[in-house]
């Protein structure tokens, strides 16, 4: 299984936003804090915005906030927002994959791997990844 740079950067950016729920953060601030290339982060945040995982405000007081509470955003949501299919084989989804003869059982193994990965990522929310103090603050502020 390959975890893309986009999924990693997107998750790290969302965790930055979750750590500061009371104010918007700029892409520059997130990129600097997480040591992510700014231009790449800008496109990733655009995909997160389209998926509803972040919201934005323009202007000098603008920036980005989480689009939903941190407890409602899973790593599965993030991965699918920026990468589409969780696991693919040669760029194709696993759903219709079939092999002949002795390899006939292999596609089912790949689909189980995908299902298990989706289950793990679906259980891991941004709130669950926050340090204890920050998670408590998120819960008090209604963001978890």
N, C-alpha and C. Protein backbone atom coordinates (compact mmCIF):
# COMPACT_ATOMS: atom_id res chain seq x y z
N UNK A 1 0.85 -1.18 0.00
CA UNK A 1 0.00 0.00 0.00
C UNK A 1 0.89 1.23 0.00
N UNK A 2 0.51 2.21 -0.77
CA UNK A 2 1.27 3.44 -0.89
C UNK A 2 0.47 4.58 -0.26
N UNK A 3 1.07 5.32 0.66
CA UNK A 3 0.45 6.51 1.22
C UNK A 3 1.06 7.69 0.48
N UNK A 4 0.24 8.43 -0.23
CA UNK A 4 0.74 9.52 -1.07
C UNK A 4 1.19 10.71 -0.24
N UNK A 5 2.07 11.50 -0.82
CA UNK A 5 2.48 12.75 -0.18
C UNK A 5 1.26 13.65 0.00
N UNK A 6 0.35 13.63 -0.97
CA UNK A 6 -0.86 14.45 -0.85
C UNK A 6 -1.67 14.08 0.38
N UNK A 7 -1.85 12.79 0.63
CA UNK A 7 -2.63 12.35 1.80
C UNK A 7 -1.91 12.72 3.09
N UNK A 8 -0.60 12.55 3.11
CA UNK A 8 0.18 12.91 4.30
C UNK A 8 0.11 14.41 4.55
N UNK A 9 0.37 15.22 3.53
CA UNK A 9 0.33 16.67 3.68
C UNK A 9 -1.07 17.15 4.06
N UNK A 10 -2.09 16.57 3.43
CA UNK A 10 -3.47 16.98 3.73
C UNK A 10 -3.80 16.70 5.20
N UNK A 11 -3.42 15.55 5.68
CA UNK A 11 -3.70 15.19 7.07
C UNK A 11 -2.96 16.11 8.03
N UNK A 12 -1.71 16.38 7.74
CA UNK A 12 -0.93 17.28 8.60
C UNK A 12 -1.50 18.69 8.60
N UNK A 13 -1.96 19.16 7.44
CA UNK A 13 -2.59 20.49 7.37
C UNK A 13 -3.87 20.52 8.19
N UNK A 14 -4.68 19.48 8.08
CA UNK A 14 -5.93 19.43 8.84
C UNK A 14 -5.66 19.35 10.34
N UNK A 15 -4.62 18.65 10.74
CA UNK A 15 -4.27 18.60 12.16
C UNK A 15 -3.83 19.98 12.66
N UNK A 16 -3.13 20.73 11.83
CA UNK A 16 -2.78 22.12 12.19
C UNK A 16 -4.05 22.93 12.41
N UNK A 17 -5.00 22.81 11.48
CA UNK A 17 -6.26 23.54 11.61
C UNK A 17 -7.02 23.10 12.85
N UNK A 18 -7.02 21.81 13.14
CA UNK A 18 -7.71 21.30 14.32
C UNK A 18 -7.09 21.83 15.61
N UNK A 19 -5.79 22.10 15.58
CA UNK A 19 -5.11 22.58 16.78
C UNK A 19 -5.39 24.05 17.07
N UNK A 20 -5.93 24.76 16.09
CA UNK A 20 -6.24 26.19 16.24
C UNK A 20 -7.67 26.46 15.77
N UNK A 21 -8.68 25.87 16.41
CA UNK A 21 -10.05 26.00 15.89
C UNK A 21 -10.66 27.39 16.03
N UNK A 22 -10.07 28.25 16.85
CA UNK A 22 -10.68 29.56 17.10
C UNK A 22 -10.28 30.62 16.08
N UNK A 23 -9.32 30.30 15.21
CA UNK A 23 -8.90 31.31 14.23
C UNK A 23 -8.48 30.63 12.93
N UNK A 24 -8.64 31.38 11.83
CA UNK A 24 -8.22 30.79 10.56
C UNK A 24 -6.70 30.78 10.45
N UNK A 25 -6.19 29.81 9.72
CA UNK A 25 -4.76 29.72 9.46
C UNK A 25 -4.53 29.87 7.96
N UNK A 26 -3.46 30.54 7.60
CA UNK A 26 -3.12 30.68 6.19
C UNK A 26 -2.32 29.47 5.72
N UNK A 27 -2.30 29.26 4.43
CA UNK A 27 -1.48 28.18 3.88
C UNK A 27 -0.01 28.41 4.21
N UNK A 28 0.41 29.66 4.21
CA UNK A 28 1.80 29.96 4.53
C UNK A 28 2.14 29.50 5.94
N UNK A 29 1.25 29.78 6.89
CA UNK A 29 1.49 29.39 8.28
C UNK A 29 1.52 27.87 8.43
N UNK A 30 0.59 27.20 7.78
CA UNK A 30 0.54 25.73 7.85
C UNK A 30 1.79 25.13 7.21
N UNK A 31 2.15 25.63 6.03
CA UNK A 31 3.32 25.11 5.32
C UNK A 31 4.58 25.29 6.16
N UNK A 32 4.71 26.44 6.77
CA UNK A 32 5.89 26.71 7.60
C UNK A 32 5.92 25.81 8.83
N UNK A 33 4.80 25.70 9.51
CA UNK A 33 4.74 24.90 10.73
C UNK A 33 4.99 23.42 10.47
N UNK A 34 4.46 22.90 9.36
CA UNK A 34 4.57 21.48 9.06
C UNK A 34 5.69 21.15 8.07
N UNK A 35 6.43 22.15 7.65
CA UNK A 35 7.53 21.96 6.69
C UNK A 35 7.04 21.25 5.43
N UNK A 36 5.96 21.81 4.86
CA UNK A 36 5.35 21.31 3.64
C UNK A 36 5.60 22.34 2.54
N UNK A 37 5.95 21.92 1.34
CA UNK A 37 6.12 22.89 0.25
C UNK A 37 4.83 23.68 0.02
N UNK A 38 4.94 25.01 0.07
CA UNK A 38 3.76 25.88 0.01
C UNK A 38 2.93 25.65 -1.24
N UNK A 39 3.54 25.61 -2.41
CA UNK A 39 2.77 25.49 -3.65
C UNK A 39 2.00 24.17 -3.70
N UNK A 40 2.62 23.11 -3.22
CA UNK A 40 1.95 21.82 -3.18
C UNK A 40 0.79 21.86 -2.19
N UNK A 41 1.03 22.45 -1.03
CA UNK A 41 -0.02 22.54 -0.01
C UNK A 41 -1.21 23.33 -0.52
N UNK A 42 -0.95 24.39 -1.26
CA UNK A 42 -2.04 25.22 -1.79
C UNK A 42 -2.99 24.38 -2.65
N UNK A 43 -2.46 23.51 -3.49
CA UNK A 43 -3.33 22.68 -4.33
C UNK A 43 -4.04 21.62 -3.50
N UNK A 44 -3.37 21.07 -2.50
CA UNK A 44 -3.98 20.07 -1.63
C UNK A 44 -5.14 20.69 -0.85
N UNK A 45 -4.95 21.89 -0.34
CA UNK A 45 -6.00 22.56 0.42
C UNK A 45 -7.19 22.85 -0.48
N UNK A 46 -6.94 23.15 -1.75
CA UNK A 46 -8.04 23.33 -2.69
C UNK A 46 -8.89 22.08 -2.82
N UNK A 47 -8.24 20.92 -2.87
CA UNK A 47 -8.98 19.65 -2.94
C UNK A 47 -9.75 19.39 -1.64
N UNK A 48 -9.16 19.74 -0.51
CA UNK A 48 -9.85 19.57 0.77
C UNK A 48 -11.07 20.48 0.85
N UNK A 49 -10.94 21.67 0.29
CA UNK A 49 -12.07 22.62 0.28
C UNK A 49 -13.21 22.06 -0.57
N UNK A 50 -12.88 21.54 -1.74
CA UNK A 50 -13.91 20.96 -2.62
C UNK A 50 -14.62 19.80 -1.94
N UNK A 51 -13.90 19.06 -1.12
CA UNK A 51 -14.49 17.91 -0.41
C UNK A 51 -15.24 18.32 0.85
N UNK A 52 -15.21 19.61 1.20
CA UNK A 52 -15.90 20.09 2.39
C UNK A 52 -15.15 19.86 3.69
N UNK A 53 -13.87 19.48 3.60
CA UNK A 53 -13.10 19.23 4.82
C UNK A 53 -12.49 20.51 5.39
N UNK A 54 -12.36 21.53 4.56
CA UNK A 54 -11.96 22.85 5.05
C UNK A 54 -12.90 23.89 4.45
N UNK A 55 -12.98 25.01 5.13
CA UNK A 55 -13.69 26.16 4.60
C UNK A 55 -12.73 27.33 4.62
N UNK A 56 -12.98 28.30 3.79
CA UNK A 56 -12.03 29.41 3.67
C UNK A 56 -12.74 30.74 3.78
N UNK A 57 -11.93 31.74 4.11
CA UNK A 57 -12.40 33.12 4.15
C UNK A 57 -11.32 33.97 3.50
N UNK A 58 -11.72 34.80 2.57
CA UNK A 58 -10.76 35.68 1.90
C UNK A 58 -10.49 36.93 2.73
N UNK A 59 -9.46 37.64 2.35
CA UNK A 59 -9.16 38.92 2.98
C UNK A 59 -8.00 38.84 3.95
N UNK A 60 -7.65 40.00 4.52
CA UNK A 60 -6.49 40.07 5.41
C UNK A 60 -6.71 39.28 6.70
N UNK A 61 -7.94 39.07 7.10
CA UNK A 61 -8.24 38.26 8.27
C UNK A 61 -8.63 36.84 7.87
N UNK A 62 -8.37 36.50 6.64
CA UNK A 62 -8.81 35.23 6.10
C UNK A 62 -7.86 34.08 6.36
N UNK A 63 -8.25 32.96 5.82
CA UNK A 63 -7.47 31.75 5.97
C UNK A 63 -8.40 30.56 5.90
N UNK A 64 -8.02 29.47 6.54
CA UNK A 64 -8.77 28.22 6.49
C UNK A 64 -9.12 27.74 7.88
N UNK A 65 -10.29 27.10 7.97
CA UNK A 65 -10.76 26.41 9.16
C UNK A 65 -11.18 25.01 8.74
N UNK A 66 -11.36 24.15 9.72
CA UNK A 66 -11.93 22.85 9.41
C UNK A 66 -13.35 23.05 8.90
N UNK A 67 -13.75 22.23 7.95
CA UNK A 67 -15.10 22.30 7.41
C UNK A 67 -16.11 21.56 8.26
N UNK A 68 -15.63 20.65 9.10
CA UNK A 68 -16.46 19.88 10.02
C UNK A 68 -15.68 19.74 11.32
N UNK A 69 -16.34 19.36 12.40
CA UNK A 69 -15.61 19.13 13.65
C UNK A 69 -14.53 18.05 13.47
N UNK A 70 -13.44 18.20 14.20
CA UNK A 70 -12.30 17.28 14.08
C UNK A 70 -12.69 15.83 14.35
N UNK A 71 -13.65 15.61 15.20
CA UNK A 71 -14.11 14.26 15.49
C UNK A 71 -14.93 13.63 14.38
N UNK A 72 -15.30 14.43 13.40
CA UNK A 72 -16.09 13.95 12.27
C UNK A 72 -15.28 13.83 10.99
N UNK A 73 -13.99 14.07 11.05
CA UNK A 73 -13.13 13.95 9.87
C UNK A 73 -12.18 12.79 10.10
N UNK A 74 -12.34 11.74 9.33
CA UNK A 74 -11.47 10.56 9.47
C UNK A 74 -10.34 10.62 8.45
N UNK A 75 -9.32 9.83 8.71
CA UNK A 75 -8.22 9.74 7.74
C UNK A 75 -8.71 9.14 6.43
N UNK A 76 -9.74 8.33 6.49
CA UNK A 76 -10.33 7.80 5.27
C UNK A 76 -10.95 8.93 4.44
N UNK A 77 -11.64 9.86 5.10
CA UNK A 77 -12.19 11.02 4.40
C UNK A 77 -11.09 11.80 3.70
N UNK A 78 -9.99 12.00 4.40
CA UNK A 78 -8.86 12.77 3.85
C UNK A 78 -8.26 12.06 2.65
N UNK A 79 -7.95 10.77 2.81
CA UNK A 79 -7.33 10.02 1.72
C UNK A 79 -8.21 10.01 0.49
N UNK A 80 -9.50 9.80 0.67
CA UNK A 80 -10.40 9.77 -0.48
C UNK A 80 -10.56 11.15 -1.10
N UNK A 81 -10.49 12.20 -0.30
CA UNK A 81 -10.63 13.56 -0.84
C UNK A 81 -9.47 13.92 -1.77
N UNK A 82 -8.27 13.48 -1.42
CA UNK A 82 -7.12 13.90 -2.22
C UNK A 82 -6.63 12.84 -3.20
N UNK A 83 -6.94 11.56 -2.94
CA UNK A 83 -6.43 10.49 -3.80
C UNK A 83 -7.52 9.71 -4.54
N UNK A 84 -8.77 9.88 -4.15
CA UNK A 84 -9.83 9.09 -4.78
C UNK A 84 -9.87 7.69 -4.20
N UNK A 85 -9.56 6.69 -5.01
CA UNK A 85 -9.54 5.31 -4.55
C UNK A 85 -8.50 5.13 -3.45
N UNK A 86 -8.84 4.37 -2.45
CA UNK A 86 -7.89 4.11 -1.37
C UNK A 86 -6.76 3.23 -1.88
N UNK A 87 -7.10 2.15 -2.54
CA UNK A 87 -6.11 1.25 -3.12
C UNK A 87 -6.53 0.97 -4.56
N UNK A 88 -5.59 1.03 -5.46
CA UNK A 88 -5.88 0.68 -6.84
C UNK A 88 -4.75 -0.23 -7.33
N UNK A 89 -5.01 -0.91 -8.41
CA UNK A 89 -4.02 -1.80 -9.01
C UNK A 89 -3.77 -1.29 -10.42
N UNK A 90 -2.57 -0.83 -10.66
CA UNK A 90 -2.22 -0.23 -11.94
C UNK A 90 -3.17 0.89 -12.31
N UNK A 91 -3.60 1.65 -11.31
CA UNK A 91 -4.48 2.79 -11.53
C UNK A 91 -5.96 2.47 -11.66
N UNK A 92 -6.32 1.21 -11.54
CA UNK A 92 -7.72 0.79 -11.67
C UNK A 92 -8.28 0.39 -10.30
N UNK A 93 -9.58 0.68 -10.07
CA UNK A 93 -10.19 0.24 -8.80
C UNK A 93 -10.23 -1.28 -8.71
N UNK A 94 -10.27 -1.77 -7.49
CA UNK A 94 -10.25 -3.21 -7.25
C UNK A 94 -11.61 -3.88 -7.44
N UNK A 95 -12.67 -3.12 -7.51
CA UNK A 95 -14.02 -3.68 -7.52
C UNK A 95 -14.24 -4.71 -8.62
N UNK A 96 -13.86 -4.44 -9.83
CA UNK A 96 -14.13 -5.36 -10.93
C UNK A 96 -12.97 -6.27 -11.29
N UNK A 97 -11.95 -6.28 -10.47
CA UNK A 97 -10.75 -7.05 -10.77
C UNK A 97 -11.02 -8.55 -10.73
N UNK A 98 -10.58 -9.26 -11.75
CA UNK A 98 -10.72 -10.72 -11.80
C UNK A 98 -9.53 -11.31 -12.54
N UNK A 99 -9.03 -12.44 -12.05
CA UNK A 99 -7.92 -13.15 -12.69
C UNK A 99 -8.38 -14.57 -13.04
N UNK A 100 -7.80 -15.13 -14.07
CA UNK A 100 -8.16 -16.50 -14.44
C UNK A 100 -7.33 -17.54 -13.67
N UNK A 101 -7.81 -18.74 -13.67
CA UNK A 101 -7.06 -19.91 -13.19
C UNK A 101 -6.57 -19.82 -11.77
N UNK A 102 -5.31 -20.21 -11.55
CA UNK A 102 -4.77 -20.29 -10.19
C UNK A 102 -4.74 -18.95 -9.44
N UNK A 103 -4.79 -17.84 -10.16
CA UNK A 103 -4.75 -16.53 -9.51
C UNK A 103 -6.15 -15.99 -9.21
N UNK A 104 -7.18 -16.78 -9.43
CA UNK A 104 -8.56 -16.31 -9.26
C UNK A 104 -8.87 -15.79 -7.86
N UNK A 105 -8.22 -16.31 -6.84
CA UNK A 105 -8.48 -15.88 -5.46
C UNK A 105 -7.76 -14.60 -5.06
N UNK A 106 -6.78 -14.18 -5.83
CA UNK A 106 -5.96 -13.02 -5.46
C UNK A 106 -6.75 -11.71 -5.39
N UNK A 107 -7.64 -11.40 -6.32
CA UNK A 107 -8.38 -10.13 -6.21
C UNK A 107 -9.14 -9.99 -4.89
N UNK A 108 -9.65 -11.10 -4.36
CA UNK A 108 -10.37 -11.03 -3.09
C UNK A 108 -9.42 -10.64 -1.95
N UNK A 109 -8.18 -11.09 -2.01
CA UNK A 109 -7.18 -10.69 -1.00
C UNK A 109 -6.95 -9.19 -1.09
N UNK A 110 -6.78 -8.67 -2.30
CA UNK A 110 -6.56 -7.22 -2.46
C UNK A 110 -7.76 -6.44 -1.94
N UNK A 111 -8.96 -6.93 -2.21
CA UNK A 111 -10.17 -6.23 -1.72
C UNK A 111 -10.26 -6.28 -0.20
N UNK A 112 -9.83 -7.38 0.42
CA UNK A 112 -9.82 -7.45 1.89
C UNK A 112 -8.79 -6.49 2.47
N UNK A 113 -7.63 -6.39 1.83
CA UNK A 113 -6.62 -5.42 2.27
C UNK A 113 -7.21 -4.02 2.23
N UNK A 114 -7.89 -3.69 1.13
CA UNK A 114 -8.51 -2.37 1.01
C UNK A 114 -9.56 -2.16 2.10
N UNK A 115 -10.40 -3.16 2.33
CA UNK A 115 -11.46 -3.03 3.34
C UNK A 115 -10.86 -2.86 4.73
N UNK A 116 -9.81 -3.61 5.04
CA UNK A 116 -9.16 -3.49 6.35
C UNK A 116 -8.50 -2.13 6.52
N UNK A 117 -7.83 -1.66 5.47
CA UNK A 117 -7.20 -0.32 5.52
C UNK A 117 -8.27 0.74 5.70
N UNK A 118 -9.38 0.63 4.98
CA UNK A 118 -10.47 1.60 5.10
C UNK A 118 -11.04 1.59 6.52
N UNK A 119 -11.14 0.42 7.13
CA UNK A 119 -11.65 0.34 8.50
C UNK A 119 -10.72 1.05 9.48
N UNK A 120 -9.43 0.82 9.36
CA UNK A 120 -8.46 1.48 10.25
C UNK A 120 -8.50 2.99 10.05
N UNK A 121 -8.45 3.44 8.80
CA UNK A 121 -8.46 4.87 8.52
C UNK A 121 -9.79 5.51 8.88
N UNK A 122 -10.87 4.77 8.75
CA UNK A 122 -12.18 5.30 9.10
C UNK A 122 -12.36 5.51 10.59
N UNK A 123 -11.67 4.72 11.39
CA UNK A 123 -11.75 4.88 12.86
C UNK A 123 -10.86 6.00 13.38
N UNK A 124 -9.83 6.35 12.64
CA UNK A 124 -8.89 7.38 13.09
C UNK A 124 -9.38 8.75 12.65
N UNK A 125 -9.83 9.55 13.62
CA UNK A 125 -10.28 10.91 13.32
C UNK A 125 -9.18 11.91 13.67
N UNK A 126 -9.34 13.11 13.17
CA UNK A 126 -8.38 14.17 13.54
C UNK A 126 -8.35 14.35 15.05
N UNK A 127 -9.52 14.35 15.67
CA UNK A 127 -9.58 14.54 17.13
C UNK A 127 -8.83 13.44 17.86
N UNK A 128 -8.91 12.21 17.36
CA UNK A 128 -8.23 11.09 18.03
C UNK A 128 -6.72 11.17 17.89
N UNK A 129 -6.23 11.95 16.95
CA UNK A 129 -4.79 12.08 16.74
C UNK A 129 -4.18 13.26 17.48
N UNK A 130 -5.02 14.12 18.03
CA UNK A 130 -4.52 15.31 18.70
C UNK A 130 -3.91 14.94 20.05
N UNK A 131 -2.87 15.66 20.47
CA UNK A 131 -2.32 15.44 21.81
C UNK A 131 -3.44 15.60 22.85
N UNK A 132 -3.30 14.95 23.98
CA UNK A 132 -4.35 14.90 25.00
C UNK A 132 -4.86 16.29 25.35
N UNK A 133 -4.00 17.23 25.62
CA UNK A 133 -4.44 18.58 25.99
C UNK A 133 -5.23 19.24 24.88
N UNK A 134 -4.77 19.09 23.65
CA UNK A 134 -5.46 19.70 22.52
C UNK A 134 -6.80 19.02 22.28
N UNK A 135 -6.87 17.71 22.42
CA UNK A 135 -8.13 16.99 22.22
C UNK A 135 -9.15 17.44 23.26
N UNK A 136 -8.71 17.63 24.50
CA UNK A 136 -9.61 18.12 25.51
C UNK A 136 -10.13 19.51 25.19
N UNK A 137 -9.23 20.36 24.68
CA UNK A 137 -9.64 21.70 24.28
C UNK A 137 -10.64 21.63 23.12
N UNK A 138 -10.39 20.73 22.16
CA UNK A 138 -11.30 20.57 21.04
C UNK A 138 -12.68 20.15 21.52
N UNK A 139 -12.74 19.24 22.47
CA UNK A 139 -14.02 18.77 22.99
C UNK A 139 -14.75 19.91 23.69
N UNK A 140 -14.04 20.70 24.50
CA UNK A 140 -14.65 21.83 25.20
C UNK A 140 -15.19 22.86 24.23
N UNK A 141 -14.48 23.05 23.11
CA UNK A 141 -14.88 24.06 22.13
C UNK A 141 -15.87 23.51 21.11
N UNK A 142 -16.27 22.26 21.27
CA UNK A 142 -17.26 21.69 20.37
C UNK A 142 -16.72 21.28 19.02
N UNK A 143 -15.41 21.21 18.86
CA UNK A 143 -14.83 20.85 17.56
C UNK A 143 -14.54 19.37 17.46
N UNK A 144 -14.63 18.65 18.54
CA UNK A 144 -14.38 17.20 18.49
C UNK A 144 -15.67 16.51 18.42
